[in-house]
Amino acid sequence: MAYETIRLEVSRGVATLTLNRPERLNSFTVAMHGEVRAALDAIRADRAVRCLVLTGAGRGFCAGQDLSDRAVAPGDAPLDLGESIENHYKPLVLALHQLPLPVIAAVNGVAAGAGANIALTCDLVYAARSASFIQSFAKIGLVPDSGGTWILPRLVGSARAMGLALLGDKLGAEQAEAWGLIWKCVDDAELMPTVRAVAEQLASGPTRGYARTKQAIRAATGLTIEASLDLERDFQRELGRSHDYREGVAAFMEKRAPKFTGE
């Protein structure tokens, strides 16, 4: 499929989805939402893809919603922004959240508004040292969306989440790592080589086990310890019958590198 607002490349089991509107800091339009959704559907259907990298073109990761897009631009008539959330941002966040393979955000510059929260919904977030995260919603009288009110307090606690949301201050990548908002901050020149190496490592790993790990960790925030133990039991029962478990144990016993297939 030919894309106009994104790029999609697949190599060595890794799909790299690049938001590609650099002149607008990769901010979202309705057209971009449609292309990202189509790309994620293609990734999910491609058994050769075993890890996804999400990044941005140019000097920014994503500035959130393009406010000049006619679908969200204020006019004389009252505007229903909830429709934009329901039709675009909610499906996007859920698609990333539920993708049954590792998803890495490579934040190469500013990640603001929905762009910040889309990055944070990924499984691993690497950020260039010059990158920053901004919950810019308060500046235009809105609530953090794209999962922001759910994910921020889970990552950094309610006090820091409230400060980020109400003040809309820029949070640098180094501070974001120190707070536990992201996994790792790296030098700008090392961002994509680092992410690429990690993505290829994950793509060669037991992706079926990764999928269940994601599911168990994300479910745990709403479960009791007993329910989490039950979920772990059910997943281990399933995974213990998998090819990857047999291969992993055999490789360990034979002192060789495993050859996982995701089955």
Protein backbone atom coordinates (compact mmCIF):
# COMPACT_ATOMS: atom_id res chain seq x y z
CA MET A 1 0.00 0.00 0.00
CA ALA A 2 1.25 3.49 -0.86
CA TYR A 3 1.18 5.88 2.10
CA GLU A 4 1.26 9.67 2.08
CA THR A 5 1.58 10.52 5.79
CA ILE A 6 3.59 7.57 7.13
CA ARG A 7 6.33 5.17 6.07
CA LEU A 8 6.28 1.42 6.74
CA GLU A 9 9.36 -0.74 6.33
CA VAL A 10 9.88 -4.39 7.30
CA SER A 11 13.30 -5.96 7.70
CA ARG A 12 14.62 -8.92 9.71
CA GLY A 13 11.29 -9.40 11.46
CA VAL A 14 11.04 -5.74 12.52
CA ALA A 15 8.39 -3.37 11.18
CA THR A 16 9.32 0.31 11.44
CA LEU A 17 6.34 2.67 11.26
CA THR A 18 7.47 6.27 10.82
CA LEU A 19 5.03 9.15 11.22
CA ASN A 20 5.93 11.25 8.20
CA ARG A 21 4.60 14.79 8.36
CA PRO A 22 7.84 16.45 9.53
CA GLU A 23 6.74 19.91 8.44
CA ARG A 24 3.95 19.64 11.05
CA LEU A 25 6.00 17.76 13.65
CA ASN A 26 4.14 14.59 12.60
CA SER A 27 0.88 15.81 14.11
CA PHE A 28 -2.19 13.71 13.41
CA THR A 29 -4.88 14.34 10.85
CA VAL A 30 -7.82 12.13 9.96
CA ALA A 31 -5.85 10.93 6.93
CA MET A 32 -2.86 9.95 9.06
CA HIS A 33 -5.09 8.06 11.48
CA GLY A 34 -6.47 6.05 8.58
CA GLU A 35 -3.02 5.19 7.27
CA VAL A 36 -1.66 4.24 10.70
CA ARG A 37 -4.64 1.99 11.29
CA ALA A 38 -4.15 0.30 7.91
CA ALA A 39 -0.45 -0.19 8.65
CA LEU A 40 -1.16 -1.73 12.06
CA ASP A 41 -3.70 -4.09 10.47
CA ALA A 42 -1.07 -5.14 7.92
CA ILE A 43 1.52 -5.66 10.66
CA ARG A 44 -0.84 -7.77 12.71
CA ALA A 45 -1.63 -9.95 9.68
CA ASP A 46 2.02 -10.44 8.67
CA ARG A 47 3.45 -13.46 10.49
CA ALA A 48 6.95 -12.39 9.48
CA VAL A 49 6.69 -9.28 11.66
CA ARG A 50 7.71 -10.01 15.26
CA CYS A 51 8.43 -6.52 16.62
CA LEU A 52 7.20 -3.00 15.85
CA VAL A 53 9.18 0.24 16.11
CA LEU A 54 7.19 3.50 16.11
CA THR A 55 9.08 6.72 15.44
CA GLY A 56 8.79 10.11 13.74
CA ALA A 57 10.43 11.76 10.76
CA GLY A 58 12.50 14.92 11.11
CA ARG A 59 13.03 16.75 14.37
CA GLY A 60 9.94 15.59 16.25
CA PHE A 61 8.24 12.36 17.27
CA CYS A 62 4.65 13.63 17.24
CA ALA A 63 3.08 16.93 18.30
CA GLY A 64 -0.30 15.29 18.88
CA GLN A 65 -3.35 16.51 17.01
CA ASP A 66 -2.93 18.90 14.09
CA LEU A 67 -5.25 21.66 15.28
CA SER A 68 -5.57 23.01 11.75
CA ASP A 69 -7.26 19.79 10.63
CA ARG A 70 -10.84 20.68 9.74
CA ALA A 71 -12.16 17.75 11.78
CA VAL A 72 -11.09 19.38 15.06
CA ALA A 73 -10.75 23.07 14.24
CA PRO A 74 -13.15 25.21 16.32
CA GLY A 75 -15.84 26.98 14.35
CA ASP A 76 -19.14 28.73 14.85
CA ALA A 77 -20.98 25.50 15.70
CA PRO A 78 -20.18 23.46 18.85
CA LEU A 79 -17.49 20.85 18.20
CA ASP A 80 -17.68 17.23 19.36
CA LEU A 81 -14.06 16.29 20.17
CA GLY A 82 -15.36 13.08 21.73
CA GLU A 83 -16.08 11.86 18.22
CA SER A 84 -12.40 12.26 17.33
CA ILE A 85 -11.42 10.26 20.41
CA GLU A 86 -13.97 7.52 19.77
CA ASN A 87 -13.23 7.15 16.06
CA HIS A 88 -9.47 7.71 15.99
CA TYR A 89 -7.41 7.97 19.19
CA LYS A 90 -9.16 5.24 21.17
CA PRO A 91 -8.80 2.64 18.37
CA LEU A 92 -5.16 3.65 17.84
CA VAL A 93 -4.17 3.36 21.50
CA LEU A 94 -6.01 0.05 21.88
CA ALA A 95 -4.40 -1.32 18.72
CA LEU A 96 -0.91 -0.54 20.04
CA HIS A 97 -1.83 -1.74 23.53
CA GLN A 98 -3.20 -5.06 22.30
CA LEU A 99 -0.73 -5.84 19.53
CA PRO A 100 0.55 -9.38 20.31
CA LEU A 101 4.20 -8.51 19.78
CA PRO A 102 6.67 -6.07 21.36
CA VAL A 103 6.18 -2.40 20.46
CA ILE A 104 9.05 0.05 20.88
CA ALA A 105 8.69 3.83 20.68
CA ALA A 106 11.82 5.61 19.43
CA VAL A 107 11.15 9.19 20.52
CA ASN A 108 13.48 11.29 18.39
CA GLY A 109 12.23 14.73 19.43
CA VAL A 110 9.26 16.43 21.02
CA ALA A 111 6.32 14.19 21.95
CA ALA A 112 3.43 16.45 22.89
CA GLY A 113 -0.23 15.96 23.72
CA ALA A 114 -1.60 12.79 22.18
CA GLY A 115 1.86 12.19 20.71
CA ALA A 116 3.33 11.83 24.19
CA ASN A 117 0.65 9.39 25.31
CA ILE A 118 0.81 7.33 22.13
CA ALA A 119 4.54 6.91 22.78
CA LEU A 120 3.92 5.98 26.42
CA THR A 121 1.40 3.29 25.51
CA CYS A 122 4.19 1.37 23.75
CA ASP A 123 5.89 -1.47 25.63
CA LEU A 124 9.36 0.08 25.67
CA VAL A 125 10.12 3.76 25.21
CA TYR A 126 13.60 4.89 24.17
CA ALA A 127 14.15 8.62 23.84
CA ALA A 128 16.93 10.74 22.39
CA ARG A 129 18.60 12.93 24.99
CA SER A 130 17.22 16.02 23.23
CA ALA A 131 13.66 14.67 23.24
CA SER A 132 10.93 15.91 25.55
CA PHE A 133 7.43 14.98 26.69
CA ILE A 134 4.70 17.58 27.11
CA GLN A 135 1.13 17.08 28.35
CA SER A 136 0.01 20.16 26.46
CA PHE A 137 -3.75 19.65 26.85
CA ALA A 138 -4.16 22.16 29.69
CA LYS A 139 -2.82 24.90 27.42
CA ILE A 140 -5.97 24.64 25.29
CA GLY A 141 -8.45 23.78 28.03
CA LEU A 142 -8.59 20.00 27.54
CA VAL A 143 -8.03 16.83 29.56
CA PRO A 144 -5.10 14.50 28.74
CA ASP A 145 -6.40 11.98 26.25
CA SER A 146 -5.09 9.00 24.27
CA GLY A 147 -4.85 7.14 27.55
CA GLY A 148 -2.97 9.88 29.39
CA THR A 149 -5.14 9.89 32.51
CA TRP A 150 -4.77 6.10 32.74
CA ILE A 151 -1.09 5.64 31.98
CA LEU A 152 0.54 8.67 33.65
CA PRO A 153 -0.33 7.84 37.29
CA ARG A 154 0.59 4.19 36.69
CA LEU A 155 4.03 5.20 35.45
CA VAL A 156 4.98 8.10 37.72
CA GLY A 157 2.37 8.22 40.51
CA SER A 158 -0.57 10.55 41.00
CA ALA A 159 1.41 13.59 42.25
CA ARG A 160 3.72 13.75 39.23
CA ALA A 161 0.89 12.84 36.86
CA MET A 162 -1.18 15.71 38.22
CA GLY A 163 1.69 18.16 37.89
CA LEU A 164 2.41 17.13 34.32
CA ALA A 165 -1.27 17.34 33.39
CA LEU A 166 -2.14 20.65 35.08
CA LEU A 167 1.03 22.59 34.36
CA GLY A 168 1.84 21.25 30.90
CA ASP A 169 5.56 21.69 31.56
CA LYS A 170 8.16 20.20 29.24
CA LEU A 171 9.78 17.08 30.71
CA GLY A 172 13.21 16.28 29.27
CA ALA A 173 14.16 12.74 28.35
CA GLU A 174 16.74 12.40 31.13
CA GLN A 175 14.18 13.41 33.76
CA ALA A 176 11.58 11.16 32.15
CA GLU A 177 13.94 8.21 32.58
CA ALA A 178 14.74 9.20 36.17
CA TRP A 179 11.02 9.33 36.97
CA GLY A 180 10.33 5.95 35.36
CA LEU A 181 8.15 7.49 32.66
CA ILE A 182 10.25 5.86 29.95
CA TRP A 183 12.62 2.91 29.78
CA LYS A 184 15.81 4.59 28.58
CA CYS A 185 17.33 7.89 27.44
CA VAL A 186 20.23 7.61 24.97
CA ASP A 187 22.42 10.01 23.03
CA ASP A 188 20.70 11.33 19.92
CA ALA A 189 23.05 9.59 17.49
CA GLU A 190 22.58 6.28 19.28
CA LEU A 191 18.77 6.28 19.35
CA MET A 192 17.97 4.37 16.18
CA PRO A 193 20.97 1.99 16.32
CA THR A 194 20.04 1.14 19.92
CA VAL A 195 16.37 0.66 19.13
CA ARG A 196 17.18 -1.38 16.04
CA ALA A 197 19.41 -3.75 18.01
CA VAL A 198 16.78 -4.22 20.72
CA ALA A 199 14.03 -4.70 18.14
CA GLU A 200 15.99 -7.41 16.33
CA GLN A 201 16.70 -9.11 19.65
CA LEU A 202 13.00 -9.15 20.48
CA ALA A 203 12.04 -10.22 16.95
CA SER A 204 14.19 -13.34 17.37
CA GLY A 205 12.70 -14.11 20.79
CA PRO A 206 9.68 -16.08 22.05
CA THR A 207 7.05 -13.62 20.83
CA ARG A 208 4.13 -15.74 22.01
CA GLY A 209 5.51 -15.51 25.53
CA TYR A 210 6.09 -11.78 25.09
CA ALA A 211 2.44 -11.32 24.13
CA ARG A 212 1.23 -13.08 27.27
CA THR A 213 3.74 -11.16 29.40
CA LYS A 214 2.34 -7.87 28.10
CA GLN A 215 -1.19 -9.04 28.77
CA ALA A 216 -0.43 -10.23 32.31
CA ILE A 217 1.44 -7.09 33.37
CA ARG A 218 -1.21 -4.76 32.00
CA ALA A 219 -4.04 -6.74 33.54
CA ALA A 220 -2.34 -6.79 36.94
CA THR A 221 -3.21 -3.18 37.80
CA GLY A 222 -6.87 -4.15 37.99
CA LEU A 223 -6.46 -7.58 39.61
CA THR A 224 -5.95 -8.93 43.10
CA ILE A 225 -2.80 -10.95 43.77
CA GLU A 226 -4.90 -14.11 43.71
CA ALA A 227 -6.35 -13.23 40.31
CA SER A 228 -2.88 -12.43 38.98
CA LEU A 229 -1.60 -15.79 40.21
CA ASP A 230 -4.51 -17.48 38.44
CA LEU A 231 -3.72 -15.62 35.21
CA GLU A 232 -0.05 -16.59 35.49
CA ARG A 233 -1.12 -20.21 35.98
CA ASP A 234 -3.30 -20.15 32.88
CA PHE A 235 -0.64 -18.54 30.74
CA GLN A 236 2.09 -20.89 31.94
CA ARG A 237 -0.18 -23.84 31.19
CA GLU A 238 -0.58 -22.57 27.64
CA LEU A 239 3.06 -21.60 27.10
CA GLY A 240 4.39 -24.79 28.64
CA ARG A 241 2.88 -26.63 25.67
CA SER A 242 4.50 -24.32 23.11
CA HIS A 243 7.34 -25.02 20.71
CA ASP A 244 9.30 -22.09 22.13
CA TYR A 245 9.30 -23.53 25.64
CA ARG A 246 10.58 -26.89 24.40
CA GLU A 247 13.19 -25.16 22.27
CA GLY A 248 14.25 -22.83 25.09
CA VAL A 249 14.79 -25.69 27.53
CA ALA A 250 16.58 -27.79 24.91
CA ALA A 251 18.89 -24.89 24.02
CA PHE A 252 19.65 -24.29 27.72
CA MET A 253 20.50 -27.94 28.30
CA GLU A 254 22.59 -28.14 25.13
CA LYS A 255 24.35 -24.81 25.86
CA ARG A 256 23.41 -23.25 22.51
CA ALA A 257 21.41 -20.25 21.30
CA PRO A 258 17.67 -21.00 21.02
CA LYS A 259 15.80 -20.71 17.73
CA PHE A 260 12.39 -19.35 18.67
CA THR A 261 9.51 -19.28 16.19
CA GLY A 262 6.74 -17.64 18.20
CA GLU A 263 4.81 -20.91 18.20
